[in-house]
Amino acid sequence: MERRVDDLSFEGAWKNQIKEEQKEVTPTEKKEVKVHDAPKFRGQRDVVEKRSEIKMAKKEQPEPEEKQATVVSELSSKEGDDFDVQW
């Protein structure tokens, strides 16, 4: 026994949807075509490097300061002096 095809069945609704989609003509969206412009250079474009070495300016380094240490014959702290230790 064959089922009757009507709009309320799944098969009927499926076929109706396919027919409607085929009738509808989807407008094709025209994509904007981007035109590539050549970059604008100043001066020469094709330069061949002919240097044998690259010269760069040297960084100025300040001379390190010499620290003067004085040597004492006696210790500045004596036994029994109070001093604060912060832990």
C-alpha atoms as a PDB file:
ATOM      1  CA  MET A   1       0.000   0.000   0.000  1.00  0.00           C
ATOM      2  CA  GLU A   2       1.550   3.258  -1.111  1.00  0.00           C
ATOM      3  CA  ARG A   3       1.375   6.375   0.923  1.00  0.00           C
ATOM      4  CA  ARG A   4      -0.415   9.262  -0.571  1.00  0.00           C
ATOM      5  CA  VAL A   5       1.884  12.193  -1.228  1.00  0.00           C
ATOM      6  CA  ASP A   6       0.471  15.379   0.224  1.00  0.00           C
ATOM      7  CA  ASP A   7       1.812  18.633   1.588  1.00  0.00           C
ATOM      8  CA  LEU A   8       1.594  17.477   5.207  1.00  0.00           C
ATOM      9  CA  SER A   9       3.950  14.524   4.832  1.00  0.00           C
ATOM     10  CA  PHE A  10       7.707  14.881   5.041  1.00  0.00           C
ATOM     11  CA  GLU A  11       8.245  13.764   1.438  1.00  0.00           C
ATOM     12  CA  GLY A  12       5.631  16.185   0.098  1.00  0.00           C
ATOM     13  CA  ALA A  13       6.987  19.122   2.035  1.00  0.00           C
ATOM     14  CA  TRP A  14      10.493  18.205   0.871  1.00  0.00           C
ATOM     15  CA  LYS A  15       9.467  18.137  -2.785  1.00  0.00           C
ATOM     16  CA  ASN A  16       7.580  21.436  -2.445  1.00  0.00           C
ATOM     17  CA  GLN A  17      10.607  23.068  -0.889  1.00  0.00           C
ATOM     18  CA  ILE A  18      12.854  21.838  -3.721  1.00  0.00           C
ATOM     19  CA  LYS A  19      10.407  23.186  -6.329  1.00  0.00           C
ATOM     20  CA  GLU A  20      10.255  26.584  -4.607  1.00  0.00           C
ATOM     21  CA  GLU A  21      14.025  26.797  -4.383  1.00  0.00           C
ATOM     22  CA  GLN A  22      14.377  26.008  -8.071  1.00  0.00           C
ATOM     23  CA  LYS A  23      11.830  28.692  -8.990  1.00  0.00           C
ATOM     24  CA  GLU A  24      13.608  31.347  -6.935  1.00  0.00           C
ATOM     25  CA  VAL A  25      16.468  32.878  -8.805  1.00  0.00           C
ATOM     26  CA  THR A  26      19.085  33.956  -6.336  1.00  0.00           C
ATOM     27  CA  PRO A  27      20.648  37.242  -7.361  1.00  0.00           C
ATOM     28  CA  THR A  28      24.362  36.777  -7.754  1.00  0.00           C
ATOM     29  CA  GLU A  29      26.302  39.201  -5.635  1.00  0.00           C
ATOM     30  CA  LYS A  30      28.938  41.004  -7.588  1.00  0.00           C
ATOM     31  CA  LYS A  31      32.136  41.088  -5.651  1.00  0.00           C
ATOM     32  CA  GLU A  32      34.109  44.264  -5.772  1.00  0.00           C
ATOM     33  CA  VAL A  33      37.325  43.666  -7.645  1.00  0.00           C
ATOM     34  CA  LYS A  34      40.281  45.369  -6.059  1.00  0.00           C
ATOM     35  CA  VAL A  35      42.809  46.849  -8.423  1.00  0.00           C
ATOM     36  CA  HIS A  36      46.403  46.589  -7.303  1.00  0.00           C
ATOM     37  CA  ASP A  37      48.386  49.762  -7.817  1.00  0.00           C
ATOM     38  CA  ALA A  38      52.126  49.550  -8.073  1.00  0.00           C
ATOM     39  CA  PRO A  39      53.876  51.054  -5.036  1.00  0.00           C
ATOM     40  CA  LYS A  40      55.314  54.499  -5.469  1.00  0.00           C
ATOM     41  CA  PHE A  41      59.027  54.564  -4.667  1.00  0.00           C
ATOM     42  CA  ARG A  42      61.266  57.533  -4.258  1.00  0.00           C
ATOM     43  CA  GLY A  43      64.629  57.265  -5.905  1.00  0.00           C
ATOM     44  CA  GLN A  44      65.983  54.206  -7.646  1.00  0.00           C
ATOM     45  CA  ARG A  45      64.073  50.961  -7.657  1.00  0.00           C
ATOM     46  CA  ASP A  46      66.593  48.335  -8.682  1.00  0.00           C
ATOM     47  CA  VAL A  47      69.741  48.982  -6.691  1.00  0.00           C
ATOM     48  CA  VAL A  48      72.575  46.495  -6.660  1.00  0.00           C
ATOM     49  CA  GLU A  49      74.596  46.416  -3.473  1.00  0.00           C
ATOM     50  CA  LYS A  50      78.305  46.867  -4.226  1.00  0.00           C
ATOM     51  CA  ARG A  51      79.658  47.433  -0.703  1.00  0.00           C
ATOM     52  CA  SER A  52      82.267  45.098   0.719  1.00  0.00           C
ATOM     53  CA  GLU A  53      81.539  46.156   4.312  1.00  0.00           C
ATOM     54  CA  ILE A  54      78.902  48.097   6.173  1.00  0.00           C
ATOM     55  CA  LYS A  55      80.079  51.044   8.258  1.00  0.00           C
ATOM     56  CA  MET A  56      78.034  51.964  11.288  1.00  0.00           C
ATOM     57  CA  ALA A  57      78.537  54.633  13.922  1.00  0.00           C
ATOM     58  CA  LYS A  58      79.872  53.296  17.214  1.00  0.00           C
ATOM     59  CA  LYS A  59      77.964  53.859  20.422  1.00  0.00           C
ATOM     60  CA  GLU A  60      79.651  56.121  22.914  1.00  0.00           C
ATOM     61  CA  GLN A  61      80.307  54.231  26.113  1.00  0.00           C
ATOM     62  CA  PRO A  62      80.973  56.283  29.238  1.00  0.00           C
ATOM     63  CA  GLU A  63      84.171  55.401  31.028  1.00  0.00           C
ATOM     64  CA  PRO A  64      83.476  53.417  34.176  1.00  0.00           C
ATOM     65  CA  GLU A  65      84.033  55.409  37.349  1.00  0.00           C
ATOM     66  CA  GLU A  66      86.801  54.112  39.555  1.00  0.00           C
ATOM     67  CA  LYS A  67      85.669  53.527  43.113  1.00  0.00           C
ATOM     68  CA  GLN A  68      88.077  54.539  45.807  1.00  0.00           C
ATOM     69  CA  ALA A  69      88.146  52.313  48.840  1.00  0.00           C
ATOM     70  CA  THR A  70      89.878  53.406  51.996  1.00  0.00           C
ATOM     71  CA  VAL A  71      91.509  50.727  54.083  1.00  0.00           C
ATOM     72  CA  VAL A  72      91.191  51.253  57.834  1.00  0.00           C
ATOM     73  CA  SER A  73      93.442  49.703  60.435  1.00  0.00           C
ATOM     74  CA  GLU A  74      90.647  49.275  63.035  1.00  0.00           C
ATOM     75  CA  LEU A  75      87.079  48.057  62.702  1.00  0.00           C
ATOM     76  CA  SER A  76      84.431  50.773  62.935  1.00  0.00           C
ATOM     77  CA  SER A  77      82.124  48.618  65.046  1.00  0.00           C
ATOM     78  CA  LYS A  78      83.121  47.345  68.448  1.00  0.00           C
ATOM     79  CA  GLU A  79      81.993  44.323  70.352  1.00  0.00           C
ATOM     80  CA  GLY A  80      78.695  45.049  72.107  1.00  0.00           C
ATOM     81  CA  ASP A  81      77.507  47.777  69.685  1.00  0.00           C
ATOM     82  CA  ASP A  82      73.797  47.806  68.994  1.00  0.00           C
ATOM     83  CA  PHE A  83      72.736  47.598  65.404  1.00  0.00           C
ATOM     84  CA  ASP A  84      69.339  47.127  63.796  1.00  0.00           C
ATOM     85  CA  VAL A  85      68.753  44.091  61.595  1.00  0.00           C
ATOM     86  CA  GLN A  86      65.624  44.168  59.468  1.00  0.00           C
ATOM     87  CA  TRP A  87      64.525  40.729  58.385  1.00  0.00           C
END
